[in-house]
Every structure is written in C-alpha cells, then in structure tokens.
C-alpha atoms as a PDB file:
ATOM      1  CA  UNK A   1      -8.743 -10.719 -30.375  1.00  0.00           C
ATOM      2  CA  UNK A   2      -6.116 -10.718 -27.601  1.00  0.00           C
ATOM      3  CA  UNK A   3      -6.984  -9.867 -24.012  1.00  0.00           C
ATOM      4  CA  UNK A   4      -4.572  -6.932 -24.204  1.00  0.00           C
ATOM      5  CA  UNK A   5      -6.305  -5.515 -27.257  1.00  0.00           C
ATOM      6  CA  UNK A   6      -9.675  -5.900 -25.533  1.00  0.00           C
ATOM      7  CA  UNK A   7      -8.708  -4.118 -22.337  1.00  0.00           C
ATOM      8  CA  UNK A   8     -10.612  -0.883 -21.669  1.00  0.00           C
ATOM      9  CA  UNK A   9      -8.866   2.299 -22.690  1.00  0.00           C
ATOM     10  CA  UNK A  10      -7.787   4.855 -20.103  1.00  0.00           C
ATOM     11  CA  UNK A  11     -10.696   7.060 -19.051  1.00  0.00           C
ATOM     12  CA  UNK A  12     -13.134   4.352 -20.126  1.00  0.00           C
ATOM     13  CA  UNK A  13     -15.340   5.028 -17.125  1.00  0.00           C
ATOM     14  CA  UNK A  14     -16.476   8.050 -15.128  1.00  0.00           C
ATOM     15  CA  UNK A  15     -13.803   8.959 -12.617  1.00  0.00           C
ATOM     16  CA  UNK A  16     -14.167  12.644 -11.885  1.00  0.00           C
ATOM     17  CA  UNK A  17     -17.370  12.771  -9.832  1.00  0.00           C
ATOM     18  CA  UNK A  18     -16.955  13.753  -6.197  1.00  0.00           C
ATOM     19  CA  UNK A  19     -17.277  10.514  -4.198  1.00  0.00           C
ATOM     20  CA  UNK A  20     -18.648  12.533  -1.259  1.00  0.00           C
ATOM     21  CA  UNK A  21     -21.877  13.169  -3.193  1.00  0.00           C
ATOM     22  CA  UNK A  22     -24.517  10.510  -3.778  1.00  0.00           C
ATOM     23  CA  UNK A  23     -23.966  10.650  -7.550  1.00  0.00           C
ATOM     24  CA  UNK A  24     -20.210  10.449  -7.102  1.00  0.00           C
ATOM     25  CA  UNK A  25     -20.541   7.493  -4.750  1.00  0.00           C
ATOM     26  CA  UNK A  26     -22.692   5.675  -7.312  1.00  0.00           C
ATOM     27  CA  UNK A  27     -20.105   6.344 -10.030  1.00  0.00           C
ATOM     28  CA  UNK A  28     -17.313   4.999  -7.803  1.00  0.00           C
ATOM     29  CA  UNK A  29     -19.355   1.917  -6.916  1.00  0.00           C
ATOM     30  CA  UNK A  30     -19.994   1.311 -10.615  1.00  0.00           C
ATOM     31  CA  UNK A  31     -16.285   1.642 -11.367  1.00  0.00           C
ATOM     32  CA  UNK A  32     -15.399  -0.809  -8.610  1.00  0.00           C
ATOM     33  CA  UNK A  33     -17.884  -3.356  -9.978  1.00  0.00           C
ATOM     34  CA  UNK A  34     -16.578  -2.793 -13.513  1.00  0.00           C
ATOM     35  CA  UNK A  35     -12.954  -3.482 -12.538  1.00  0.00           C
ATOM     36  CA  UNK A  36     -13.801  -6.478 -10.345  1.00  0.00           C
ATOM     37  CA  UNK A  37     -15.891  -8.237 -12.987  1.00  0.00           C
ATOM     38  CA  UNK A  38     -14.180  -7.304 -16.262  1.00  0.00           C
ATOM     39  CA  UNK A  39     -12.665 -10.490 -17.643  1.00  0.00           C
ATOM     40  CA  UNK A  40     -10.517  -8.525 -20.087  1.00  0.00           C
ATOM     41  CA  UNK A  41      -8.564  -6.912 -17.256  1.00  0.00           C
ATOM     42  CA  UNK A  42      -5.390  -8.984 -16.828  1.00  0.00           C
ATOM     43  CA  UNK A  43      -4.535 -11.110 -13.819  1.00  0.00           C
ATOM     44  CA  UNK A  44      -1.158 -12.735 -13.149  1.00  0.00           C
ATOM     45  CA  UNK A  45      -0.603 -16.483 -13.373  1.00  0.00           C
ATOM     46  CA  UNK A  46      -0.868 -18.391 -10.120  1.00  0.00           C
ATOM     47  CA  UNK A  47       2.905 -18.723  -9.809  1.00  0.00           C
ATOM     48  CA  UNK A  48       3.263 -14.950  -9.529  1.00  0.00           C
ATOM     49  CA  UNK A  49       0.240 -14.364  -7.306  1.00  0.00           C
ATOM     50  CA  UNK A  50       2.024 -14.118  -3.947  1.00  0.00           C
ATOM     51  CA  UNK A  51      -0.046 -11.408  -2.275  1.00  0.00           C
ATOM     52  CA  UNK A  52      -2.446 -13.435  -0.162  1.00  0.00           C
ATOM     53  CA  UNK A  53      -5.808 -15.085  -0.574  1.00  0.00           C
ATOM     54  CA  UNK A  54      -8.854 -13.842  -2.443  1.00  0.00           C
ATOM     55  CA  UNK A  55      -9.765 -12.718  -5.931  1.00  0.00           C
ATOM     56  CA  UNK A  56      -6.873 -10.656  -7.352  1.00  0.00           C
ATOM     57  CA  UNK A  57      -9.040  -8.263  -9.400  1.00  0.00           C
ATOM     58  CA  UNK A  58     -11.798  -7.927  -6.788  1.00  0.00           C
ATOM     59  CA  UNK A  59      -9.415  -7.069  -3.949  1.00  0.00           C
ATOM     60  CA  UNK A  60      -7.704  -4.431  -6.066  1.00  0.00           C
ATOM     61  CA  UNK A  61     -11.079  -2.949  -6.957  1.00  0.00           C
ATOM     62  CA  UNK A  62     -12.141  -2.942  -3.298  1.00  0.00           C
ATOM     63  CA  UNK A  63      -9.012  -1.023  -2.335  1.00  0.00           C
ATOM     64  CA  UNK A  64      -9.633   1.557  -5.034  1.00  0.00           C
ATOM     65  CA  UNK A  65     -12.739   2.446  -3.036  1.00  0.00           C
ATOM     66  CA  UNK A  66     -10.663   2.678   0.144  1.00  0.00           C
ATOM     67  CA  UNK A  67      -8.056   4.889  -1.540  1.00  0.00           C
ATOM     68  CA  UNK A  68     -10.735   7.334  -2.672  1.00  0.00           C
ATOM     69  CA  UNK A  69     -13.098   7.262   0.319  1.00  0.00           C
ATOM     70  CA  UNK A  70     -10.592   6.931   3.150  1.00  0.00           C
ATOM     71  CA  UNK A  71      -7.435   8.315   1.587  1.00  0.00           C
ATOM     72  CA  UNK A  72      -8.842  11.119  -0.548  1.00  0.00           C
ATOM     73  CA  UNK A  73      -7.207   9.897  -3.772  1.00  0.00           C
ATOM     74  CA  UNK A  74      -7.931  12.244  -6.697  1.00  0.00           C
ATOM     75  CA  UNK A  75      -7.801  11.467 -10.444  1.00  0.00           C
ATOM     76  CA  UNK A  76      -4.900  13.880 -10.999  1.00  0.00           C
ATOM     77  CA  UNK A  77      -2.729  12.536  -8.173  1.00  0.00           C
ATOM     78  CA  UNK A  78       0.812  11.323  -8.756  1.00  0.00           C
ATOM     79  CA  UNK A  79       0.806   7.933  -7.010  1.00  0.00           C
ATOM     80  CA  UNK A  80       3.698   5.898  -5.598  1.00  0.00           C
ATOM     81  CA  UNK A  81       3.265   2.332  -4.374  1.00  0.00           C
ATOM     82  CA  UNK A  82       6.015   0.540  -2.463  1.00  0.00           C
ATOM     83  CA  UNK A  83       5.511  -3.208  -2.534  1.00  0.00           C
ATOM     84  CA  UNK A  84       3.332  -3.181  -5.645  1.00  0.00           C
ATOM     85  CA  UNK A  85       3.772  -6.882  -6.441  1.00  0.00           C
ATOM     86  CA  UNK A  86       2.187  -7.691  -9.789  1.00  0.00           C
ATOM     87  CA  UNK A  87       0.074  -4.522  -9.864  1.00  0.00           C
ATOM     88  CA  UNK A  88      -3.050  -5.601  -8.009  1.00  0.00           C
ATOM     89  CA  UNK A  89      -3.613  -2.063  -6.708  1.00  0.00           C
ATOM     90  CA  UNK A  90      -2.326  -0.424  -9.887  1.00  0.00           C
ATOM     91  CA  UNK A  91      -4.744  -2.093 -12.305  1.00  0.00           C
ATOM     92  CA  UNK A  92      -7.913  -0.397 -10.941  1.00  0.00           C
ATOM     93  CA  UNK A  93      -6.062   2.925 -11.000  1.00  0.00           C
ATOM     94  CA  UNK A  94      -5.795   2.648 -14.793  1.00  0.00           C
ATOM     95  CA  UNK A  95      -9.538   3.326 -14.842  1.00  0.00           C
ATOM     96  CA  UNK A  96      -9.515   6.062 -12.199  1.00  0.00           C
ATOM     97  CA  UNK A  97      -6.416   8.206 -12.741  1.00  0.00           C
ATOM     98  CA  UNK A  98      -6.566  10.842 -15.459  1.00  0.00           C
ATOM     99  CA  UNK A  99      -3.929   9.662 -17.979  1.00  0.00           C
ATOM    100  CA  UNK A 100      -3.049  13.244 -18.867  1.00  0.00           C
ATOM    101  CA  UNK A 101      -2.563  14.483 -15.306  1.00  0.00           C
ATOM    102  CA  UNK A 102      -2.366  11.550 -12.927  1.00  0.00           C
ATOM    103  CA  UNK A 103       0.376   8.929 -12.874  1.00  0.00           C
ATOM    104  CA  UNK A 104       1.471   5.821 -11.005  1.00  0.00           C
ATOM    105  CA  UNK A 105       4.893   4.416 -10.113  1.00  0.00           C
ATOM    106  CA  UNK A 106       5.113   1.008  -8.462  1.00  0.00           C
ATOM    107  CA  UNK A 107       8.247  -0.555  -6.982  1.00  0.00           C
ATOM    108  CA  UNK A 108       8.835  -4.066  -5.688  1.00  0.00           C
ATOM    109  CA  UNK A 109      11.687  -6.439  -4.848  1.00  0.00           C
ATOM    110  CA  UNK A 110      10.314  -9.374  -6.896  1.00  0.00           C
ATOM    111  CA  UNK A 111      11.696  -9.013 -10.417  1.00  0.00           C
ATOM    112  CA  UNK A 112       9.347 -11.523 -12.054  1.00  0.00           C
ATOM    113  CA  UNK A 113       6.253  -9.719 -10.767  1.00  0.00           C
ATOM    114  CA  UNK A 114       7.534  -6.381 -12.024  1.00  0.00           C
ATOM    115  CA  UNK A 115       8.316  -7.843 -15.443  1.00  0.00           C
ATOM    116  CA  UNK A 116       4.776  -9.239 -15.726  1.00  0.00           C
ATOM    117  CA  UNK A 117       3.207  -5.921 -14.712  1.00  0.00           C
ATOM    118  CA  UNK A 118       5.299  -4.057 -17.273  1.00  0.00           C
ATOM    119  CA  UNK A 119       4.147  -6.422 -20.029  1.00  0.00           C
ATOM    120  CA  UNK A 120       0.516  -6.710 -18.993  1.00  0.00           C
ATOM    121  CA  UNK A 121      -0.263  -3.222 -17.662  1.00  0.00           C
ATOM    122  CA  UNK A 122       2.305  -0.599 -18.708  1.00  0.00           C
ATOM    123  CA  UNK A 123       2.166  -1.743 -22.328  1.00  0.00           C
ATOM    124  CA  UNK A 124      -1.487  -0.630 -22.406  1.00  0.00           C
ATOM    125  CA  UNK A 125      -1.341   2.216 -19.868  1.00  0.00           C
ATOM    126  CA  UNK A 126       1.951   4.139 -20.244  1.00  0.00           C
ATOM    127  CA  UNK A 127       1.237   6.414 -17.266  1.00  0.00           C
ATOM    128  CA  UNK A 128       1.302   3.341 -15.007  1.00  0.00           C
ATOM    129  CA  UNK A 129       4.908   2.238 -14.581  1.00  0.00           C
ATOM    130  CA  UNK A 130       6.792  -0.359 -12.555  1.00  0.00           C
ATOM    131  CA  UNK A 131      10.362  -0.461 -11.278  1.00  0.00           C
ATOM    132  CA  UNK A 132      12.335  -3.336  -9.763  1.00  0.00           C
ATOM    133  CA  UNK A 133      14.365  -2.585  -6.634  1.00  0.00           C
ATOM    134  CA  UNK A 134      16.818  -5.378  -5.859  1.00  0.00           C
ATOM    135  CA  UNK A 135      16.592  -5.034  -2.084  1.00  0.00           C
ATOM    136  CA  UNK A 136      16.949  -8.050   0.180  1.00  0.00           C
ATOM    137  CA  UNK A 137      13.913  -9.522   1.904  1.00  0.00           C
ATOM    138  CA  UNK A 138      14.235 -12.945   3.521  1.00  0.00           C
ATOM    139  CA  UNK A 139      10.759 -13.960   2.332  1.00  0.00           C
ATOM    140  CA  UNK A 140      10.477 -12.443  -1.154  1.00  0.00           C
ATOM    141  CA  UNK A 141      14.018 -11.644  -2.339  1.00  0.00           C
ATOM    142  CA  UNK A 142      16.617 -13.310  -0.099  1.00  0.00           C
ATOM    143  CA  UNK A 143      19.460 -12.780  -2.586  1.00  0.00           C
ATOM    144  CA  UNK A 144      18.799  -9.062  -3.020  1.00  0.00           C
ATOM    145  CA  UNK A 145      21.853  -6.982  -3.872  1.00  0.00           C
ATOM    146  CA  UNK A 146      21.319  -4.245  -1.267  1.00  0.00           C
ATOM    147  CA  UNK A 147      19.770  -3.695   2.119  1.00  0.00           C
ATOM    148  CA  UNK A 148      16.408  -1.956   2.294  1.00  0.00           C
ATOM    149  CA  UNK A 149      18.101   0.523   4.640  1.00  0.00           C
ATOM    150  CA  UNK A 150      20.368   1.607   1.757  1.00  0.00           C
ATOM    151  CA  UNK A 151      17.631   2.019  -0.856  1.00  0.00           C
ATOM    152  CA  UNK A 152      17.002   5.447  -2.362  1.00  0.00           C
ATOM    153  CA  UNK A 153      14.162   5.236  -4.845  1.00  0.00           C
ATOM    154  CA  UNK A 154      14.801   6.843  -8.257  1.00  0.00           C
ATOM    155  CA  UNK A 155      12.392   9.760  -7.855  1.00  0.00           C
ATOM    156  CA  UNK A 156      12.779  13.429  -6.988  1.00  0.00           C
ATOM    157  CA  UNK A 157      11.892  14.870  -3.580  1.00  0.00           C
ATOM    158  CA  UNK A 158       8.223  15.860  -3.126  1.00  0.00           C
ATOM    159  CA  UNK A 159       7.269  14.346  -6.487  1.00  0.00           C
ATOM    160  CA  UNK A 160       4.168  12.410  -5.354  1.00  0.00           C
ATOM    161  CA  UNK A 161       0.727  13.280  -3.978  1.00  0.00           C
ATOM    162  CA  UNK A 162      -0.342   9.846  -2.741  1.00  0.00           C
ATOM    163  CA  UNK A 163       1.653   6.850  -1.491  1.00  0.00           C
ATOM    164  CA  UNK A 164       0.435   3.287  -0.996  1.00  0.00           C
ATOM    165  CA  UNK A 165       1.802   0.597   1.330  1.00  0.00           C
ATOM    166  CA  UNK A 166      -0.775  -2.198   1.396  1.00  0.00           C
ATOM    167  CA  UNK A 167       0.348  -5.219   3.401  1.00  0.00           C
ATOM    168  CA  UNK A 168       4.002  -4.224   3.044  1.00  0.00           C
ATOM    169  CA  UNK A 169       4.854  -3.455   6.666  1.00  0.00           C
ATOM    170  CA  UNK A 170       3.392  -6.878   7.483  1.00  0.00           C
ATOM    171  CA  UNK A 171       6.521  -8.375   5.831  1.00  0.00           C
ATOM    172  CA  UNK A 172       9.277  -6.052   7.084  1.00  0.00           C
ATOM    173  CA  UNK A 173      11.728  -5.861   9.968  1.00  0.00           C
ATOM    174  CA  UNK A 174      11.697  -2.637  12.053  1.00  0.00           C
ATOM    175  CA  UNK A 175      14.781  -1.136  10.386  1.00  0.00           C
ATOM    176  CA  UNK A 176      13.249  -1.810   6.972  1.00  0.00           C
ATOM    177  CA  UNK A 177      10.003  -0.115   7.983  1.00  0.00           C
ATOM    178  CA  UNK A 178      11.983   2.923   9.110  1.00  0.00           C
ATOM    179  CA  UNK A 179      13.844   3.074   5.797  1.00  0.00           C
ATOM    180  CA  UNK A 180      10.777   2.901   3.567  1.00  0.00           C
ATOM    181  CA  UNK A 181       8.821   5.356   5.711  1.00  0.00           C
ATOM    182  CA  UNK A 182      11.653   7.868   5.529  1.00  0.00           C
ATOM    183  CA  UNK A 183      11.664   7.492   1.749  1.00  0.00           C
ATOM    184  CA  UNK A 184       7.942   8.217   1.650  1.00  0.00           C
ATOM    185  CA  UNK A 185       8.531  11.266   3.794  1.00  0.00           C
ATOM    186  CA  UNK A 186      11.102  12.441   1.249  1.00  0.00           C
ATOM    187  CA  UNK A 187       8.978  11.706  -1.795  1.00  0.00           C
ATOM    188  CA  UNK A 188       5.562  13.035  -0.720  1.00  0.00           C
ATOM    189  CA  UNK A 189       4.780  16.702  -1.163  1.00  0.00           C
ATOM    190  CA  UNK A 190       3.611  18.631   1.871  1.00  0.00           C
ATOM    191  CA  UNK A 191      -0.072  17.755   2.233  1.00  0.00           C
ATOM    192  CA  UNK A 192       0.332  14.457   0.388  1.00  0.00           C
ATOM    193  CA  UNK A 193      -1.263  11.325   1.835  1.00  0.00           C
ATOM    194  CA  UNK A 194       0.046   7.854   2.576  1.00  0.00           C
ATOM    195  CA  UNK A 195      -2.367   4.903   2.734  1.00  0.00           C
ATOM    196  CA  UNK A 196      -1.129   1.962   4.817  1.00  0.00           C
ATOM    197  CA  UNK A 197      -2.672  -1.406   5.667  1.00  0.00           C
ATOM    198  CA  UNK A 198      -1.024  -3.431   8.413  1.00  0.00           C
ATOM    199  CA  UNK A 199      -1.424  -5.187  11.771  1.00  0.00           C
ATOM    200  CA  UNK A 200      -1.354  -2.859  14.794  1.00  0.00           C
ATOM    201  CA  UNK A 201      -1.272  -3.969  18.419  1.00  0.00           C
ATOM    202  CA  UNK A 202      -3.128  -1.679  20.799  1.00  0.00           C
ATOM    203  CA  UNK A 203      -4.969  -2.538  24.014  1.00  0.00           C
ATOM    204  CA  UNK A 204      -8.114  -3.692  22.191  1.00  0.00           C
ATOM    205  CA  UNK A 205      -6.172  -5.952  19.821  1.00  0.00           C
ATOM    206  CA  UNK A 206      -4.208  -7.450  22.710  1.00  0.00           C
ATOM    207  CA  UNK A 207      -7.388  -8.152  24.660  1.00  0.00           C
ATOM    208  CA  UNK A 208      -8.989  -9.875  21.683  1.00  0.00           C
ATOM    209  CA  UNK A 209      -5.875 -11.971  21.051  1.00  0.00           C
ATOM    210  CA  UNK A 210      -5.699 -13.014  24.712  1.00  0.00           C
ATOM    211  CA  UNK A 211      -9.339 -14.100  24.469  1.00  0.00           C
ATOM    212  CA  UNK A 212      -8.445 -16.383  21.575  1.00  0.00           C
ATOM    213  CA  UNK A 213     -10.433 -14.440  18.993  1.00  0.00           C
ATOM    214  CA  UNK A 214      -7.531 -13.639  16.665  1.00  0.00           C
ATOM    215  CA  UNK A 215      -7.155 -15.007  13.150  1.00  0.00           C
ATOM    216  CA  UNK A 216      -3.338 -14.731  13.238  1.00  0.00           C
ATOM    217  CA  UNK A 217      -1.258 -16.172  16.081  1.00  0.00           C
ATOM    218  CA  UNK A 218       0.594 -13.087  17.306  1.00  0.00           C
ATOM    219  CA  UNK A 219       1.692 -13.200  20.944  1.00  0.00           C
ATOM    220  CA  UNK A 220      -0.001 -10.165  22.544  1.00  0.00           C
ATOM    221  CA  UNK A 221       2.483 -10.268  25.432  1.00  0.00           C
ATOM    222  CA  UNK A 222       5.616 -10.353  23.304  1.00  0.00           C
ATOM    223  CA  UNK A 223       8.396  -7.821  23.799  1.00  0.00           C
ATOM    224  CA  UNK A 224       7.764  -5.883  20.583  1.00  0.00           C
ATOM    225  CA  UNK A 225       7.849  -3.508  18.873  1.00  0.00           C
ATOM    226  CA  UNK A 226       7.585  -6.181  16.156  1.00  0.00           C
ATOM    227  CA  UNK A 227       5.536  -9.352  16.678  1.00  0.00           C
ATOM    228  CA  UNK A 228       6.015 -12.412  14.467  1.00  0.00           C
ATOM    229  CA  UNK A 229       3.281 -14.982  13.924  1.00  0.00           C
ATOM    230  CA  UNK A 230       5.688 -17.708  12.767  1.00  0.00           C
ATOM    231  CA  UNK A 231       9.186 -17.674  14.306  1.00  0.00           C
ATOM    232  CA  UNK A 232      10.438 -20.033  11.592  1.00  0.00           C
ATOM    233  CA  UNK A 233       9.276 -17.641   8.843  1.00  0.00           C
ATOM    234  CA  UNK A 234       9.285 -14.326  10.691  1.00  0.00           C
ATOM    235  CA  UNK A 235       8.452 -12.089   7.736  1.00  0.00           C
ATOM    236  CA  UNK A 236       5.414 -14.155   6.729  1.00  0.00           C
ATOM    237  CA  UNK A 237       3.273 -11.986   9.049  1.00  0.00           C
ATOM    238  CA  UNK A 238       4.508  -9.117  11.222  1.00  0.00           C
ATOM    239  CA  UNK A 239       2.492  -6.889  13.550  1.00  0.00           C
ATOM    240  CA  UNK A 240       3.714  -3.676  15.194  1.00  0.00           C
ATOM    241  CA  UNK A 241       3.028  -1.979  18.475  1.00  0.00           C
ATOM    242  CA  UNK A 242       0.838   0.969  17.541  1.00  0.00           C
ATOM    243  CA  UNK A 243       2.697   3.685  19.443  1.00  0.00           C
ATOM    244  CA  UNK A 244       6.022   2.603  17.931  1.00  0.00           C
ATOM    245  CA  UNK A 245       4.614   2.562  14.410  1.00  0.00           C
ATOM    246  CA  UNK A 246       3.010   6.009  14.692  1.00  0.00           C
ATOM    247  CA  UNK A 247       6.288   7.357  16.038  1.00  0.00           C
ATOM    248  CA  UNK A 248       8.141   5.924  13.065  1.00  0.00           C
ATOM    249  CA  UNK A 249       5.848   7.793  10.670  1.00  0.00           C
ATOM    250  CA  UNK A 250       5.988  10.991  12.733  1.00  0.00           C
ATOM    251  CA  UNK A 251       9.780  11.096  12.434  1.00  0.00           C
ATOM    252  CA  UNK A 252       9.285  11.241   8.661  1.00  0.00           C
ATOM    253  CA  UNK A 253       6.781  14.082   8.930  1.00  0.00           C
ATOM    254  CA  UNK A 254       3.766  11.806   8.481  1.00  0.00           C
ATOM    255  CA  UNK A 255       0.837  12.131  10.900  1.00  0.00           C
ATOM    256  CA  UNK A 256      -2.595  10.523  11.010  1.00  0.00           C
ATOM    257  CA  UNK A 257      -5.039  12.369   8.762  1.00  0.00           C
ATOM    258  CA  UNK A 258      -8.068  10.448  10.041  1.00  0.00           C
ATOM    259  CA  UNK A 259      -8.831   7.936  12.804  1.00  0.00           C
ATOM    260  CA  UNK A 260      -7.391   4.474  12.284  1.00  0.00           C
ATOM    261  CA  UNK A 261      -9.845   2.055  10.673  1.00  0.00           C
ATOM    262  CA  UNK A 262      -9.166  -1.086  12.685  1.00  0.00           C
ATOM    263  CA  UNK A 263      -9.634  -4.402  10.910  1.00  0.00           C
ATOM    264  CA  UNK A 264     -10.938  -7.675  12.226  1.00  0.00           C
ATOM    265  CA  UNK A 265      -7.717  -9.718  12.141  1.00  0.00           C
ATOM    266  CA  UNK A 266      -7.336  -9.627  15.940  1.00  0.00           C
ATOM    267  CA  UNK A 267     -10.968 -10.553  16.593  1.00  0.00           C
ATOM    268  CA  UNK A 268     -11.848  -7.118  17.964  1.00  0.00           C
ATOM    269  CA  UNK A 269     -15.493  -6.187  17.631  1.00  0.00           C
ATOM    270  CA  UNK A 270     -16.601  -3.924  14.801  1.00  0.00           C
ATOM    271  CA  UNK A 271     -13.530  -4.450  12.654  1.00  0.00           C
ATOM    272  CA  UNK A 272     -13.387  -2.788   9.214  1.00  0.00           C
ATOM    273  CA  UNK A 273     -12.186  -5.375   6.722  1.00  0.00           C
ATOM    274  CA  UNK A 274      -9.222  -7.537   7.726  1.00  0.00           C
ATOM    275  CA  UNK A 275      -6.079  -5.438   8.226  1.00  0.00           C
ATOM    276  CA  UNK A 276      -5.925  -2.105  10.010  1.00  0.00           C
ATOM    277  CA  UNK A 277      -5.859   0.986   7.766  1.00  0.00           C
ATOM    278  CA  UNK A 278      -3.978   4.194   8.508  1.00  0.00           C
ATOM    279  CA  UNK A 279      -3.999   7.316   6.354  1.00  0.00           C
ATOM    280  CA  UNK A 280      -1.134   9.718   7.022  1.00  0.00           C
ATOM    281  CA  UNK A 281      -0.637  13.276   5.778  1.00  0.00           C
ATOM    282  CA  UNK A 282       2.780  14.769   5.091  1.00  0.00           C
ATOM    283  CA  UNK A 283       3.528  17.847   7.177  1.00  0.00           C
ATOM    284  CA  UNK A 284       6.550  20.079   7.237  1.00  0.00           C
ATOM    285  CA  UNK A 285       9.076  19.479   9.999  1.00  0.00           C
ATOM    286  CA  UNK A 286      11.246  22.002  11.856  1.00  0.00           C
ATOM    287  CA  UNK A 287      14.780  22.101  10.569  1.00  0.00           C
ATOM    288  CA  UNK A 288      16.075  20.468  13.748  1.00  0.00           C
ATOM    289  CA  UNK A 289      13.581  17.578  13.570  1.00  0.00           C
ATOM    290  CA  UNK A 290      13.764  14.343  11.626  1.00  0.00           C
ATOM    291  CA  UNK A 291      16.840  12.152  11.605  1.00  0.00           C
ATOM    292  CA  UNK A 292      19.863  12.598  13.894  1.00  0.00           C
ATOM    293  CA  UNK A 293      21.867  15.641  12.943  1.00  0.00           C
ATOM    294  CA  UNK A 294      18.790  17.512  11.788  1.00  0.00           C
ATOM    295  CA  UNK A 295      18.673  15.758   8.384  1.00  0.00           C
ATOM    296  CA  UNK A 296      15.231  15.976   6.853  1.00  0.00           C
ATOM    297  CA  UNK A 297      13.471  13.028   5.176  1.00  0.00           C
END
C-alpha cells in the first residue's frame, strides 16, 4: 500500500473541542502527537527541506498548537500562508480544519516546493491548496520574474480569517515586508488574525545580545530597522526593530491581539520557543489612513 493511500482521511481526529477547556486541550495535545508521530504523513525529500533545522513533521505539529492556543485558529477558518515552503504548517491543518467549511491556501516563491506539496498534500486533501508566486528573493528565488513589491496574490479582498507568516520576515528586505503585510491587510476580513514568527529587537533583546547570550549574531547597535546576521548572505537571517515592525503592520490595519511571546534566540531570560511570536488582528481603518493618498490595504 502506498504512503498516500495510507494517509489519514480529513477529519480523522477530534478537532472541534474548545482548546480552552481541559478536555479540549487534551484533544489538541493528542492531535499534535498524532501528526508528529504518524509515519504515513508525508515529508519532503532532503533536497526540498529548506526551512531550517529540526523534525519537519514535529515542528509543523508544534505550530498547530501555537496557531490554536495563541492565534485562536478555528476549524472553520479560511487560512492563508505566505511563505508556505513544502507545506510544513499546512500538513497538520489537514487534520484540524473542517474540510467542508475550513480551507487553506499556501503561496511560496520556490516552485519545486510548491509542486511537491501539490502532489503529496493537495492530491489527498483538496481543501488544502498551494500556489507558486514567481517573486524574486535573493536567497530562495533569485531569478524571480517580478518584485515582491509588485505582487498581488490571486485572492479576493477580505477572503481569509487567519494568515500565517512563520519565519518569512526573517528572510525579507524592509520593502518586501511592507508589500506582503499590505497584502495580508487586504486579504484578511475585519477581525481576522495574522500569526507571525520572527526576530524582534527591543531593549531586552539588545541587552542579551550585548552580553553575548544570543544564538544568532545580529549587531544590537546596528542602524536598523533591519539587522542582518551575515552580510554576505543578508537574507539568511534578518531581524527587525520592534517599533518599526509594529508600525508596518499598523499601516495595514493589523494590531497586536495579545502580548508578544518573545523567543529565546537573543538569549533573553524566559524565552518562549526560539523565534518571537506576534498575533495581529485586522481592524478597520479610517478612509484617510493606510497608504499615501488614502488608499486602503
């Protein structure tokens, strides 16, 4: 029997319990363990696995818990992920989203990763779809046909409830961050949430980096707003000054929905995981706010 034929069907596990209750939390924990350990769930070949260290399935399953517990993801949400890679975050969602009401759209600049995800995931879970965007990125798609700043994703305004950007901003220039964030502002409904993992520089992160506790060599005294760990490969790891980054999201109508969950990458005490996690909520903007000329996201 092929691995594809053996993969669990949509709705194979309990997904509808409220994770805020003890029973719901147990169901979510069981689902996370199921996804992380199920050998019939696909994983990309090593040549396509370009999303960092660690177990591909286990990290995706871990973030499913973050999406639900920190981001408020619901089974009937319409989900958009920018920078989906080979579907590491999408695969656990096949077991959480209601296939009749929820949906997932993932976009990425790496064509080979999208093609694999379409074959390995969409073929079994039609509500989970992937789309290649041929935008230039000096690290992942240097020959891209268009600038990120010119990208308009092929979806209608306010057509999503939940957006994901995990470790995407960590590989973008400031103008590219602005462009993708404005697209999320356009695509999220009012009240929708955006889950972001990234590297933020605030006073505590700078102090930890100056003390030599950091795990990535960002210069805490650099000019900003972007900080590059490796000048020879600048998009390999990018951090942003926190105030600048929050302002970028605010211009798109996206404001923090909960306190930032700071990670341990900088060496700060009490870090939650590795990268910092922000959850934004889409709010309406006055007609004269947003981009120059009063144009709304």
